[in-house]
N, C-alpha and C. Protein backbone atom coordinates (compact mmCIF):
# COMPACT_ATOMS: atom_id res chain seq x y z
N MET A 1 2.47 25.84 73.37
CA MET A 1 3.60 25.30 71.89
C MET A 1 2.31 25.42 70.83
N LYS A 2 1.00 25.15 70.77
CA LYS A 2 0.16 24.63 69.40
C LYS A 2 -0.13 25.69 68.93
N LYS A 3 -0.19 27.49 69.68
CA LYS A 3 -0.84 28.19 69.45
C LYS A 3 0.56 28.99 68.95
N GLN A 4 1.36 28.33 69.40
CA GLN A 4 3.11 29.18 68.84
C GLN A 4 3.56 29.25 67.41
N ILE A 5 3.59 27.67 67.04
CA ILE A 5 2.97 27.08 65.68
C ILE A 5 2.07 27.44 64.73
N SER A 6 0.36 27.67 65.49
CA SER A 6 -0.40 28.08 64.94
C SER A 6 -0.05 29.88 64.15
N LEU A 7 0.95 30.58 65.17
CA LEU A 7 0.91 31.71 65.07
C LEU A 7 2.02 31.99 63.42
N TRP A 8 2.96 31.02 63.77
CA TRP A 8 4.61 30.78 62.77
C TRP A 8 3.70 30.10 61.76
N PHE A 9 2.79 29.66 60.95
CA PHE A 9 1.62 29.32 60.39
C PHE A 9 1.11 30.51 59.50
N ALA A 10 0.68 31.36 60.67
CA ALA A 10 0.11 32.50 60.13
C ALA A 10 0.92 33.54 59.24
N ALA A 11 1.93 33.43 60.46
CA ALA A 11 2.94 34.74 59.22
C ALA A 11 3.76 34.00 58.18
N ILE A 12 3.61 32.37 58.30
CA ILE A 12 4.32 32.40 56.62
C ILE A 12 2.71 32.24 55.91
N MET A 13 1.81 32.52 55.71
CA MET A 13 0.61 32.68 54.69
C MET A 13 0.54 34.22 54.51
N ILE A 14 0.29 34.82 55.32
CA ILE A 14 0.85 36.40 55.29
C ILE A 14 2.21 36.67 54.67
N LEU A 15 3.00 36.29 54.59
CA LEU A 15 3.76 36.98 54.23
C LEU A 15 3.86 36.30 52.36
N GLY A 16 3.63 35.12 52.35
CA GLY A 16 3.36 34.64 51.30
C GLY A 16 2.40 35.31 50.56
N ALA A 17 1.31 35.47 50.99
CA ALA A 17 0.54 36.82 50.63
C ALA A 17 0.85 37.53 49.86
N ILE A 18 2.00 38.63 50.82
CA ILE A 18 2.04 39.75 50.13
C ILE A 18 2.93 39.75 49.29
N ASN A 19 3.85 38.42 49.11
CA ASN A 19 5.04 38.29 48.07
C ASN A 19 4.19 38.62 46.53
N ILE A 20 2.54 37.35 46.89
CA ILE A 20 2.15 37.13 45.65
C ILE A 20 1.36 38.41 44.85
N PHE A 21 1.33 39.44 46.06
CA PHE A 21 0.17 40.97 45.70
C PHE A 21 1.63 41.67 45.33
N ALA A 22 2.93 41.83 45.93
CA ALA A 22 3.63 42.56 44.86
C ALA A 22 4.21 41.64 43.64
N GLN A 23 4.20 40.73 43.18
CA GLN A 23 4.58 40.30 42.21
C GLN A 23 3.32 40.53 41.43
N LYS A 24 1.80 40.78 41.37
CA LYS A 24 1.67 40.87 40.11
C LYS A 24 1.28 41.93 39.49
N PRO A 25 1.28 41.49 38.20
CA PRO A 25 2.29 42.35 36.97
C PRO A 25 1.31 43.49 36.89
N PHE A 26 1.40 44.51 36.85
CA PHE A 26 0.98 45.77 36.01
C PHE A 26 -0.92 45.21 35.36
N ALA A 27 -1.64 46.11 35.41
CA ALA A 27 -2.45 45.72 34.57
C ALA A 27 -3.42 46.87 34.20
N GLY A 28 -3.45 47.97 32.79
CA GLY A 28 -3.83 49.87 32.55
C GLY A 28 -3.75 49.96 31.48
N THR A 29 -4.07 51.08 31.65
CA THR A 29 -3.82 51.98 30.07
C THR A 29 -2.73 52.87 30.58
N VAL A 30 -2.07 53.07 29.28
CA VAL A 30 -0.78 54.46 29.62
C VAL A 30 -1.35 54.90 28.45
N SER A 31 -1.90 56.17 28.20
CA SER A 31 -1.77 57.37 26.94
C SER A 31 -1.00 58.14 26.84
N PHE A 32 -0.83 58.47 25.70
CA PHE A 32 0.33 58.53 25.36
C PHE A 32 0.37 60.05 24.44
N ALA A 33 1.37 60.92 24.74
CA ALA A 33 1.23 62.32 23.28
C ALA A 33 2.67 62.88 23.16
N PHE A 34 2.38 63.10 21.92
CA PHE A 34 3.32 63.92 20.69
C PHE A 34 3.80 65.56 20.71
N THR A 35 5.18 65.46 21.18
CA THR A 35 5.66 67.06 20.80
C THR A 35 6.91 67.22 20.40
N VAL A 36 7.08 67.97 19.85
CA VAL A 36 9.12 68.21 19.57
C VAL A 36 9.49 69.43 20.00
N GLU A 37 10.85 68.68 20.64
CA GLU A 37 11.54 69.72 21.24
C GLU A 37 13.16 70.02 20.88
N GLY A 38 13.39 71.68 20.99
CA GLY A 38 14.76 71.62 20.11
C GLY A 38 14.61 72.36 19.05
N THR A 39 13.62 72.79 18.62
CA THR A 39 12.94 74.40 17.07
C THR A 39 12.35 74.72 17.27
N ASP A 40 12.41 76.23 17.35
CA ASP A 40 11.52 77.27 17.41
C ASP A 40 10.73 77.09 16.02
N ASP A 41 11.37 76.38 15.09
CA ASP A 41 9.90 76.29 13.98
C ASP A 41 8.78 75.50 14.44
N PRO A 42 7.16 76.84 14.48
CA PRO A 42 6.25 76.38 14.47
C PRO A 42 5.59 75.17 13.63
N ASN A 43 5.64 75.20 13.04
CA ASN A 43 5.08 74.19 12.02
C ASN A 43 5.58 72.56 12.35
N LYS A 44 6.78 72.64 12.77
CA LYS A 44 6.87 71.31 13.27
C LYS A 44 5.64 70.07 14.06
N ALA A 45 6.12 71.38 15.40
CA ALA A 45 5.15 71.35 16.41
C ALA A 45 3.73 70.90 16.20
N ALA A 46 3.17 71.45 14.95
CA ALA A 46 1.25 71.77 14.83
C ALA A 46 1.55 70.24 14.38
N GLU A 47 2.75 69.86 13.23
CA GLU A 47 2.49 68.54 12.82
C GLU A 47 1.42 67.66 13.34
N LEU A 48 2.56 67.42 14.98
CA LEU A 48 1.79 66.54 15.67
C LEU A 48 0.91 66.92 16.75
N SER A 49 0.24 67.94 16.91
CA SER A 49 -0.31 68.64 17.97
C SER A 49 -1.39 67.61 17.68
N GLY A 50 -1.83 67.33 19.23
CA GLY A 50 -3.39 66.48 19.37
C GLY A 50 -3.10 65.45 18.76
N VAL A 51 -2.16 64.88 18.32
CA VAL A 51 -2.37 63.46 18.53
C VAL A 51 -1.70 62.46 20.05
N THR A 52 -2.64 61.34 19.93
CA THR A 52 -2.78 60.76 20.89
C THR A 52 -2.46 59.42 20.18
N MET A 53 -2.03 58.34 21.45
CA MET A 53 -2.38 56.86 21.57
C MET A 53 -1.91 56.65 22.73
N ASP A 54 -3.19 55.76 23.01
CA ASP A 54 -3.45 55.07 23.86
C ASP A 54 -3.37 53.31 23.88
N TYR A 55 -2.19 52.67 25.02
CA TYR A 55 -2.04 51.20 25.27
C TYR A 55 -2.45 50.73 25.99
N LEU A 56 -3.13 49.85 25.58
CA LEU A 56 -3.37 48.53 27.15
C LEU A 56 -2.17 48.08 27.07
N VAL A 57 -1.92 47.51 28.55
CA VAL A 57 -1.04 47.08 29.29
C VAL A 57 -1.36 46.12 30.30
N MET A 58 -0.92 44.61 29.94
CA MET A 58 -1.22 43.24 31.25
C MET A 58 -0.06 43.26 31.28
N GLY A 59 0.95 42.78 32.25
CA GLY A 59 2.10 42.54 32.39
C GLY A 59 3.30 42.04 31.03
N ASN A 60 3.26 41.29 30.12
CA ASN A 60 4.16 41.34 28.70
C ASN A 60 3.32 41.57 27.75
N CYS A 61 1.92 42.41 28.13
CA CYS A 61 1.39 42.28 26.36
C CYS A 61 0.81 43.82 27.05
N THR A 62 1.09 44.01 25.38
CA THR A 62 0.13 45.62 25.05
C THR A 62 -0.82 44.98 23.62
N LYS A 63 -1.40 46.14 23.74
CA LYS A 63 -2.68 46.58 23.04
C LYS A 63 -2.70 47.97 22.16
N MET A 64 -2.59 48.16 20.91
CA MET A 64 -3.09 49.66 20.63
C MET A 64 -3.81 49.32 19.18
N SER A 65 -5.08 50.19 19.84
CA SER A 65 -5.65 50.91 18.80
C SER A 65 -6.08 51.72 17.84
N VAL A 66 -5.73 52.34 16.76
CA VAL A 66 -6.11 53.59 16.01
C VAL A 66 -7.18 53.47 15.41
N SER A 67 -8.44 54.05 14.82
CA SER A 67 -9.10 54.27 13.49
C SER A 67 -8.87 55.79 13.12
N GLU A 68 -8.65 55.59 11.67
CA GLU A 68 -8.76 56.73 10.95
C GLU A 68 -9.23 56.97 9.73
N MET A 69 -10.28 57.94 9.11
CA MET A 69 -10.72 57.63 8.15
C MET A 69 -11.98 56.43 7.59
N GLY A 70 -12.52 55.56 8.81
CA GLY A 70 -13.02 54.85 9.02
C GLY A 70 -12.57 53.05 8.83
N ILE A 71 -11.09 53.03 9.07
CA ILE A 71 -10.38 51.92 8.62
C ILE A 71 -9.38 51.81 10.17
N GLY A 72 -9.62 50.79 10.91
CA GLY A 72 -9.29 50.61 11.87
C GLY A 72 -7.89 49.52 12.24
N VAL A 73 -7.16 50.48 13.10
CA VAL A 73 -5.82 49.16 13.19
C VAL A 73 -5.54 48.58 14.67
N GLU A 74 -5.32 47.28 15.07
CA GLU A 74 -5.10 47.03 16.19
C GLU A 74 -3.89 45.93 16.64
N ASN A 75 -2.82 46.43 16.57
CA ASN A 75 -1.72 45.50 17.28
C ASN A 75 -1.73 45.59 18.32
N ILE A 76 -1.45 44.37 18.68
CA ILE A 76 -0.90 43.37 19.68
C ILE A 76 0.54 42.71 19.85
N THR A 77 0.71 43.09 21.11
CA THR A 77 2.07 42.70 21.37
C THR A 77 1.88 41.60 22.54
N ASN A 78 2.34 39.96 22.50
CA ASN A 78 2.43 39.15 23.60
C ASN A 78 4.00 38.56 23.76
N GLY A 79 4.33 38.91 24.60
CA GLY A 79 5.95 38.93 24.88
C GLY A 79 6.22 37.61 25.91
N ASP A 80 5.01 37.27 26.49
CA ASP A 80 4.72 35.60 26.48
C ASP A 80 4.75 34.20 25.59
N ASP A 81 4.39 35.19 24.25
CA ASP A 81 3.73 33.94 23.22
C ASP A 81 5.29 34.37 22.57
N LYS A 82 5.93 35.80 22.71
CA LYS A 82 6.52 36.34 21.53
C LYS A 82 6.28 35.73 19.92
N LYS A 83 4.85 37.06 20.09
CA LYS A 83 4.05 37.13 18.94
C LYS A 83 3.22 38.53 18.87
N VAL A 84 3.49 39.07 17.86
CA VAL A 84 3.04 40.17 17.18
C VAL A 84 1.55 40.11 15.88
N SER A 85 0.63 40.68 16.51
CA SER A 85 -0.61 39.92 15.44
C SER A 85 -1.34 41.59 15.02
N THR A 86 -1.46 41.66 14.12
CA THR A 86 -2.18 42.94 13.50
C THR A 86 -3.04 43.08 12.94
N VAL A 87 -4.12 43.58 13.62
CA VAL A 87 -5.64 43.03 12.88
C VAL A 87 -5.83 44.58 11.81
N ILE A 88 -6.44 44.58 10.43
CA ILE A 88 -6.58 45.76 10.13
C ILE A 88 -8.20 45.65 9.25
N ASP A 89 -8.99 46.42 9.87
CA ASP A 89 -10.66 46.82 9.55
C ASP A 89 -10.78 47.38 8.24
N VAL A 90 -11.08 47.16 7.59
CA VAL A 90 -11.14 48.38 6.18
C VAL A 90 -12.48 48.37 5.75
N PRO A 91 -13.49 48.46 6.10
CA PRO A 91 -14.98 48.86 5.63
C PRO A 91 -15.12 48.28 3.79
N GLY A 92 -15.78 47.09 4.09
CA GLY A 92 -16.09 47.35 2.17
C GLY A 92 -14.88 46.27 1.62
N TYR A 93 -14.30 46.05 2.47
CA TYR A 93 -13.03 44.59 2.63
C TYR A 93 -12.68 43.60 3.26
N GLY A 94 -13.73 43.68 4.66
CA GLY A 94 -13.47 43.24 5.50
C GLY A 94 -12.71 43.23 6.57
N LYS A 95 -12.12 42.37 7.33
CA LYS A 95 -11.19 42.33 8.73
C LYS A 95 -10.18 41.07 8.28
N TYR A 96 -8.68 41.58 8.56
CA TYR A 96 -8.05 40.68 7.99
C TYR A 96 -7.04 41.41 9.44
N TYR A 97 -5.81 40.24 9.06
CA TYR A 97 -4.25 39.71 9.95
C TYR A 97 -3.35 38.95 9.85
N ILE A 98 -2.43 40.08 10.28
CA ILE A 98 -1.03 40.03 10.05
C ILE A 98 -0.22 39.33 11.59
N GLU A 99 -0.04 38.41 11.55
CA GLU A 99 0.40 37.64 12.87
C GLU A 99 2.31 37.53 12.72
N LYS A 100 3.48 37.49 13.49
CA LYS A 100 4.76 37.10 13.15
C LYS A 100 4.45 36.64 14.27
N SER A 101 5.68 35.72 14.62
CA SER A 101 5.45 34.07 15.40
C SER A 101 7.76 35.04 15.87
N GLU A 102 7.84 34.41 16.76
CA GLU A 102 8.87 34.54 17.55
C GLU A 102 10.41 34.18 16.33
N ALA A 103 10.03 33.09 15.57
CA ALA A 103 11.08 33.23 14.40
C ALA A 103 11.21 34.32 13.18
N ASP A 104 9.50 34.90 13.10
CA ASP A 104 10.04 36.22 12.17
C ASP A 104 10.52 37.29 12.80
N ILE A 105 10.20 37.53 14.26
CA ILE A 105 10.81 38.19 14.85
C ILE A 105 12.26 38.62 14.61
N LYS A 106 13.16 37.18 15.01
CA LYS A 106 14.03 37.24 15.04
C LYS A 106 15.07 37.14 14.01
N LYS A 107 14.21 36.74 13.01
CA LYS A 107 14.70 36.80 11.67
C LYS A 107 14.87 38.71 11.32
N ALA A 108 13.60 39.23 11.86
CA ALA A 108 13.82 40.31 11.30
C ALA A 108 15.41 41.15 11.84
N PHE A 109 15.50 41.15 12.74
CA PHE A 109 16.29 41.74 14.17
C PHE A 109 17.82 40.99 13.81
N GLU A 110 18.10 39.98 12.52
CA GLU A 110 19.91 39.41 12.61
C GLU A 110 19.99 39.97 11.90
N THR A 111 20.34 41.63 11.44
CA THR A 111 21.11 42.46 10.76
C THR A 111 20.92 43.97 11.82
N THR A 112 20.55 43.42 13.16
CA THR A 112 20.35 44.56 14.02
C THR A 112 21.02 44.53 15.13
N LYS A 113 21.55 45.49 15.57
CA LYS A 113 22.05 45.25 17.08
C LYS A 113 22.21 46.42 17.68
N PHE A 114 21.15 46.22 19.14
CA PHE A 114 20.70 46.70 20.15
C PHE A 114 21.86 46.93 21.39
N ASP A 115 22.18 47.83 21.88
CA ASP A 115 22.66 48.46 22.71
C ASP A 115 22.14 49.46 23.98
N TYR A 116 22.55 48.90 25.20
CA TYR A 116 21.65 50.36 25.65
C TYR A 116 22.82 50.28 26.96
N ASN A 117 22.76 52.03 27.03
CA ASN A 117 23.94 52.69 28.17
C ASN A 117 22.73 52.93 28.95
N TYR A 118 22.40 52.69 30.44
CA TYR A 118 21.34 52.81 31.81
C TYR A 118 22.52 53.85 32.51
N THR A 119 21.90 55.39 32.45
CA THR A 119 22.33 55.94 33.43
C THR A 119 21.98 55.92 34.30
N ASP A 120 22.23 57.32 35.01
CA ASP A 120 21.60 57.44 36.50
C ASP A 120 20.77 58.72 36.38
N GLU A 121 20.84 59.59 35.20
CA GLU A 121 20.20 60.51 35.34
C GLU A 121 17.95 60.14 35.13
N THR A 122 17.14 60.97 35.52
CA THR A 122 16.23 60.76 35.88
C THR A 122 15.42 61.40 35.26
N LYS A 123 14.36 61.32 35.29
CA LYS A 123 12.89 62.44 35.19
C LYS A 123 11.61 61.81 35.09
N GLU A 124 10.91 62.91 35.77
CA GLU A 124 9.26 62.22 36.19
C GLU A 124 8.38 62.22 35.34
N VAL A 125 7.85 61.52 34.74
CA VAL A 125 6.90 60.75 34.11
C VAL A 125 5.62 60.34 33.46
N ALA A 126 4.29 61.54 33.98
CA ALA A 126 3.09 60.74 34.36
C ALA A 126 3.50 60.55 35.99
N GLY A 127 4.07 60.73 36.83
CA GLY A 127 3.86 60.82 38.12
C GLY A 127 4.80 59.43 38.18
N TYR A 128 5.96 58.80 37.31
CA TYR A 128 6.83 57.84 37.90
C TYR A 128 8.31 58.31 37.27
N THR A 129 9.19 57.78 38.37
CA THR A 129 10.55 58.03 37.89
C THR A 129 11.09 57.18 36.66
N CYS A 130 11.66 58.00 36.21
CA CYS A 130 11.58 57.00 34.79
C CYS A 130 13.78 57.33 34.85
N LYS A 131 14.47 56.17 34.66
CA LYS A 131 15.69 56.50 34.12
C LYS A 131 16.57 56.96 32.76
N LYS A 132 17.37 58.05 32.62
CA LYS A 132 17.38 57.55 30.92
C LYS A 132 18.52 56.45 30.39
N VAL A 133 17.72 56.01 29.06
CA VAL A 133 18.95 55.03 28.70
C VAL A 133 19.32 55.78 27.06
N VAL A 134 19.76 55.29 27.18
CA VAL A 134 20.94 55.79 25.39
C VAL A 134 20.40 54.40 24.86
N VAL A 135 19.55 54.28 23.61
CA VAL A 135 19.47 53.26 22.97
C VAL A 135 20.52 53.56 21.53
N THR A 136 21.17 52.65 21.31
CA THR A 136 22.25 51.95 19.54
C THR A 136 21.27 51.58 18.88
N VAL A 137 20.64 51.41 17.90
CA VAL A 137 20.17 50.49 17.13
C VAL A 137 22.14 50.59 15.84
N THR A 138 22.14 49.24 15.69
CA THR A 138 23.38 49.52 14.90
C THR A 138 23.05 48.22 13.42
N ASP A 139 23.18 49.17 12.32
CA ASP A 139 22.46 48.44 11.23
C ASP A 139 24.36 47.03 10.87
N LEU A 140 23.63 46.27 11.34
CA LEU A 140 24.93 45.66 10.96
C LEU A 140 25.78 45.25 9.21
N GLU A 141 24.51 45.71 9.14
CA GLU A 141 24.79 45.49 6.92
C GLU A 141 25.62 46.60 6.71
N THR A 142 25.45 48.10 7.17
CA THR A 142 26.25 48.98 6.70
C THR A 142 27.12 49.52 7.88
N ASP A 143 26.98 49.24 9.14
CA ASP A 143 27.64 49.36 10.40
C ASP A 143 27.41 51.19 10.48
N GLU A 144 26.06 51.34 10.29
CA GLU A 144 25.39 53.02 10.24
C GLU A 144 24.88 52.97 12.08
N GLU A 145 25.02 53.83 12.32
CA GLU A 145 24.55 53.48 13.64
C GLU A 145 23.11 54.93 14.46
N ASP A 146 21.99 54.75 14.92
CA ASP A 146 20.80 55.46 14.78
C ASP A 146 21.24 55.38 16.80
N SER A 147 21.34 56.57 17.55
CA SER A 147 20.57 56.74 18.92
C SER A 147 19.61 57.39 18.90
N PHE A 148 19.29 57.36 19.91
CA PHE A 148 17.72 58.07 20.90
C PHE A 148 18.03 57.91 22.18
N PHE A 149 17.09 58.33 22.66
CA PHE A 149 17.03 58.34 24.70
C PHE A 149 15.44 57.67 25.19
N ALA A 150 16.10 56.74 25.57
CA ALA A 150 14.28 56.11 26.17
C ALA A 150 14.60 56.40 28.21
N TRP A 151 13.38 56.78 28.14
CA TRP A 151 13.19 57.03 29.82
C TRP A 151 12.45 55.94 30.39
N VAL A 152 13.07 55.17 30.78
CA VAL A 152 12.01 53.31 31.23
C VAL A 152 11.73 53.58 32.83
N THR A 153 10.58 53.04 33.02
CA THR A 153 10.43 53.11 34.63
C THR A 153 10.54 52.10 34.93
N ASN A 154 10.95 51.10 36.26
CA ASN A 154 10.46 50.14 36.72
C ASN A 154 9.55 49.32 37.63
N ASP A 155 8.60 50.78 38.11
CA ASP A 155 7.73 51.02 38.99
C ASP A 155 6.35 50.37 38.90
N LEU A 156 6.13 50.54 37.22
CA LEU A 156 4.83 49.77 36.92
C LEU A 156 4.53 48.22 37.26
N GLN A 157 5.66 47.50 36.94
CA GLN A 157 5.93 46.01 37.26
C GLN A 157 5.37 45.29 36.13
N THR A 158 5.96 45.81 35.15
CA THR A 158 5.78 45.32 33.61
C THR A 158 6.78 43.96 33.30
N GLY A 159 6.38 43.26 32.55
CA GLY A 159 6.93 42.04 32.55
C GLY A 159 8.02 42.24 31.47
N ASP A 160 9.36 41.62 31.73
CA ASP A 160 10.39 41.58 31.32
C ASP A 160 10.41 41.73 29.82
N ASP A 161 9.73 40.76 29.36
CA ASP A 161 10.02 40.38 27.48
C ASP A 161 8.99 41.65 27.09
N ILE A 162 8.18 42.23 27.84
CA ILE A 162 7.46 43.81 27.08
C ILE A 162 7.97 44.56 26.31
N ASN A 163 8.70 44.28 25.89
CA ASN A 163 9.65 45.30 24.91
C ASN A 163 10.77 44.36 23.14
N PHE A 164 10.20 43.07 23.88
CA PHE A 164 10.75 41.96 22.49
C PHE A 164 10.74 42.42 21.29
N SER A 165 9.70 42.83 20.64
CA SER A 165 9.23 43.15 19.81
C SER A 165 9.55 44.53 19.21
N THR A 166 9.97 45.10 19.97
CA THR A 166 10.64 46.52 20.07
C THR A 166 12.07 46.88 19.89
N TYR A 167 12.49 46.66 21.05
CA TYR A 167 13.37 46.85 21.65
C TYR A 167 14.40 45.75 22.65
N PRO A 168 14.35 44.06 21.82
CA PRO A 168 14.39 43.46 22.23
C PRO A 168 15.70 43.48 23.50
N GLY A 169 15.59 43.25 24.44
CA GLY A 169 16.55 43.01 25.96
C GLY A 169 16.21 44.39 26.88
N LEU A 170 15.56 45.80 26.42
CA LEU A 170 15.67 47.11 27.09
C LEU A 170 14.54 46.93 28.45
N LYS A 171 15.23 47.09 29.60
CA LYS A 171 14.60 46.76 30.88
C LYS A 171 14.03 48.07 31.65
N GLY A 172 12.15 47.36 31.86
CA GLY A 172 11.57 48.69 32.02
C GLY A 172 10.52 48.94 31.22
N TYR A 173 8.98 49.94 31.32
CA TYR A 173 8.63 49.98 30.39
C TYR A 173 9.09 51.37 29.84
N PRO A 174 9.17 51.58 28.48
CA PRO A 174 9.63 53.19 28.30
C PRO A 174 8.12 54.28 28.51
N LEU A 175 8.64 55.11 29.40
CA LEU A 175 7.15 55.81 29.24
C LEU A 175 7.50 56.89 28.29
N ARG A 176 8.68 57.79 27.93
CA ARG A 176 9.08 58.46 26.92
C ARG A 176 9.51 58.07 25.91
N MET A 177 9.71 58.73 24.86
CA MET A 177 11.07 58.64 23.63
C MET A 177 11.99 59.88 22.93
N ASP A 178 12.01 60.48 23.04
CA ASP A 178 13.26 61.24 22.62
C ASP A 178 13.82 60.94 21.25
N ILE A 179 13.10 60.71 19.87
CA ILE A 179 14.17 60.12 18.49
C ILE A 179 13.93 61.71 18.35
N PRO A 180 15.87 61.73 17.50
CA PRO A 180 16.24 62.23 17.07
C PRO A 180 15.99 62.96 15.33
N GLN A 181 16.03 64.36 15.16
CA GLN A 181 15.43 64.32 13.11
C GLN A 181 16.58 64.80 12.87
N GLU A 182 16.78 65.38 11.39
CA GLU A 182 17.60 66.71 11.42
C GLU A 182 16.77 66.96 9.72
N ASP A 183 17.03 68.60 9.95
CA ASP A 183 16.34 69.11 8.43
C ASP A 183 16.92 70.23 8.95
N GLY A 184 17.58 70.85 7.80
CA GLY A 184 18.60 71.79 6.94
C GLY A 184 19.71 72.19 8.11
N GLY A 185 20.05 70.97 8.67
CA GLY A 185 21.40 71.33 9.64
C GLY A 185 20.51 71.19 10.85
N GLU A 186 19.33 71.85 11.07
CA GLU A 186 18.59 71.78 12.42
C GLU A 186 18.69 70.00 13.15
N THR A 187 19.35 69.79 14.19
CA THR A 187 18.74 68.65 14.76
C THR A 187 17.66 68.77 15.79
N PHE A 188 16.70 68.09 16.16
CA PHE A 188 15.62 68.83 16.78
C PHE A 188 15.09 66.63 17.52
N TYR A 189 13.92 66.70 18.46
CA TYR A 189 13.56 65.75 19.24
C TYR A 189 12.19 66.03 19.00
N ILE A 190 11.83 64.47 18.50
CA ILE A 190 10.24 63.78 18.38
C ILE A 190 9.75 63.54 19.41
N VAL A 191 9.52 63.72 20.68
CA VAL A 191 9.55 63.49 21.57
C VAL A 191 7.72 62.47 22.28
N GLN A 192 7.58 61.34 21.98
CA GLN A 192 6.74 60.49 22.63
C GLN A 192 6.55 60.42 24.09
N TYR A 193 5.29 61.14 24.93
CA TYR A 193 5.56 61.07 26.23
C TYR A 193 4.11 60.64 26.99
N ALA A 194 4.70 59.88 28.18
CA ALA A 194 2.92 59.07 28.70
C ALA A 194 2.83 60.99 29.69
N THR A 195 1.08 60.85 29.51
CA THR A 195 0.69 61.96 29.83
C THR A 195 -0.29 61.33 31.28
N LYS A 196 -0.83 59.52 31.14
CA LYS A 196 -1.67 59.80 31.88
C LYS A 196 -1.19 57.53 31.97
N VAL A 197 -1.13 57.64 33.37
CA VAL A 197 -1.50 55.91 33.42
C VAL A 197 -2.72 55.56 34.32
N THR A 198 -3.30 54.63 33.89
CA THR A 198 -4.22 54.52 34.91
C THR A 198 -4.04 52.95 35.06
N PRO A 199 -4.14 52.55 36.51
CA PRO A 199 -4.32 51.02 36.19
C PRO A 199 -5.60 50.82 36.61
N SER A 200 -5.98 49.13 36.10
CA SER A 200 -7.36 48.64 36.69
C SER A 200 -7.45 47.41 36.64
N LYS A 201 -8.14 47.18 37.48
CA LYS A 201 -8.36 45.96 37.57
C LYS A 201 -9.38 44.66 36.74
N LYS A 202 -9.82 45.62 35.90
CA LYS A 202 -11.04 45.04 34.99
C LYS A 202 -10.59 44.01 33.66
N ILE A 203 -9.06 44.73 33.44
CA ILE A 203 -8.43 44.62 32.14
C ILE A 203 -8.21 42.87 32.66
N LYS A 204 -8.49 42.36 31.62
CA LYS A 204 -8.36 40.28 31.28
C LYS A 204 -7.43 40.07 30.16
N LEU A 205 -6.71 39.16 30.02
CA LEU A 205 -5.91 38.10 29.76
C LEU A 205 -6.43 38.17 28.16
N THR A 206 -7.73 37.93 28.24
CA THR A 206 -8.10 37.88 27.02
C THR A 206 -8.48 38.67 26.11
N GLU A 207 -8.22 40.29 26.60
CA GLU A 207 -8.64 41.53 25.68
C GLU A 207 -7.25 41.99 24.65
N PHE A 208 -6.42 40.31 25.31
CA PHE A 208 -4.89 40.76 24.14
C PHE A 208 -4.95 39.47 22.61
N TYR A 209 -5.99 38.94 22.50
CA TYR A 209 -6.39 37.94 21.81
C TYR A 209 -6.88 38.47 20.54
N ARG A 210 -6.35 37.98 19.92
CA ARG A 210 -6.51 38.29 18.51
C ARG A 210 -8.02 38.20 17.75
N SER A 211 -8.52 39.60 17.18
CA SER A 211 -9.49 38.59 16.86
C SER A 211 -10.38 37.89 16.26
N SER A 212 -11.14 37.09 16.44
CA SER A 212 -11.38 35.41 15.98
C SER A 212 -12.28 35.65 14.84
N ASP A 213 -12.94 36.97 13.94
CA ASP A 213 -13.63 36.94 13.06
C ASP A 213 -12.72 37.98 11.86
N ALA A 214 -11.48 37.66 12.58
CA ALA A 214 -10.63 38.03 11.41
C ALA A 214 -9.74 37.29 10.53
N THR A 215 -9.77 37.02 8.90
CA THR A 215 -8.82 36.48 8.23
C THR A 215 -7.41 36.85 8.13
N ASN A 216 -6.73 35.42 8.10
CA ASN A 216 -5.28 35.67 7.64
C ASN A 216 -5.06 36.89 6.50
N LEU A 217 -4.27 37.74 5.99
CA LEU A 217 -4.14 38.21 4.68
C LEU A 217 -3.51 37.55 3.93
N GLU A 218 -2.65 36.35 4.21
CA GLU A 218 -2.10 35.62 3.87
C GLU A 218 -3.17 34.61 2.45
N ASP A 219 -4.68 34.65 3.07
CA ASP A 219 -5.33 33.68 2.50
C ASP A 219 -6.43 34.93 1.97
N ALA A 220 -6.35 36.08 1.34
CA ALA A 220 -7.24 36.80 1.06
C ALA A 220 -6.45 36.92 -0.67
N SER A 221 -8.31 37.07 -1.48
CA SER A 221 -7.60 37.79 -2.84
C SER A 221 -6.52 38.78 -2.99
N GLU A 222 -5.76 38.29 -4.25
CA GLU A 222 -4.87 39.07 -4.57
C GLU A 222 -5.72 40.53 -5.13
N ASP A 223 -7.31 41.19 -5.39
CA ASP A 223 -7.20 42.30 -5.23
C ASP A 223 -7.20 42.64 -3.97
N VAL A 224 -7.83 42.17 -2.92
CA VAL A 224 -7.91 43.02 -1.34
C VAL A 224 -6.53 42.74 -1.02
N LYS A 225 -5.58 42.70 -1.26
CA LYS A 225 -4.66 42.60 -1.25
C LYS A 225 -3.40 43.87 -1.64
N THR A 226 -3.85 44.22 -2.86
CA THR A 226 -3.72 45.07 -3.84
C THR A 226 -4.34 46.28 -3.07
N ALA A 227 -5.25 46.37 -2.43
CA ALA A 227 -6.23 47.65 -2.20
C ALA A 227 -5.49 47.99 -0.64
N LEU A 228 -5.62 46.77 -0.26
CA LEU A 228 -4.81 47.10 1.14
C LEU A 228 -3.57 48.21 1.16
N LYS A 229 -2.64 47.13 0.83
CA LYS A 229 -1.37 47.61 -0.03
C LYS A 229 -1.86 49.78 -0.41
N GLN A 230 -2.46 50.06 -0.92
CA GLN A 230 -2.40 50.90 -1.78
C GLN A 230 -2.72 52.11 -0.89
N MET A 231 -3.92 51.34 0.42
CA MET A 231 -4.64 52.44 0.91
C MET A 231 -3.34 52.40 2.66
N LEU A 232 -2.68 51.87 2.69
CA LEU A 232 -2.11 51.10 4.17
C LEU A 232 -0.51 51.85 3.79
N GLY A 233 0.07 51.69 2.35
CA GLY A 233 0.93 51.97 2.15
C GLY A 233 2.26 50.50 2.68
N MET A 234 1.46 49.62 2.66
CA MET A 234 2.03 47.98 3.31
C MET A 234 2.63 47.85 2.32
């Protein structure tokens, strides 16, 4: 009888361990590239040729870092705290950050409505099965609508709030976005698509913390604010 009870407890512990591992959120890097579809104009495709972007992802958090002409920009989204931080590092001026709280984000979306039509159409992107979602964004002040396609996957086990600051309510992680553009009566698509997904157990939550040596841009001098606005088009 004792042996049966021991086996029963062992089975419960194993099942519990399996459940814990199954629920562990994805952590890794997602690399994106850009292209143009729906046009024969080589100039349009050339503009995006070689443009890449890497996102560090863990649960509900993302971090994207870019550097151009010596200026570094780091954008961090935290769906757990509903916070977005952008850190700007400009040689000669220093490192500054802009932070948006949950209230700021909600206010920004007050006049915007997001509708998601989840279809059965699928596409494989970077080795993951993605479902096509027709995203419709409505400006509630003008009733103008814009639509595009998001290809989302649920296989990465990202958090439910990972899209809170971009596409609130969208389920799944988008590995491809098809954004329609019009030029001279021609409609074509700018496509952002994942080229590689690299899981990593080395990624820690601390990597999604804002730099402690950055100063709030609101506290910067007017000269610095003006200079950053001119350089970055803020």
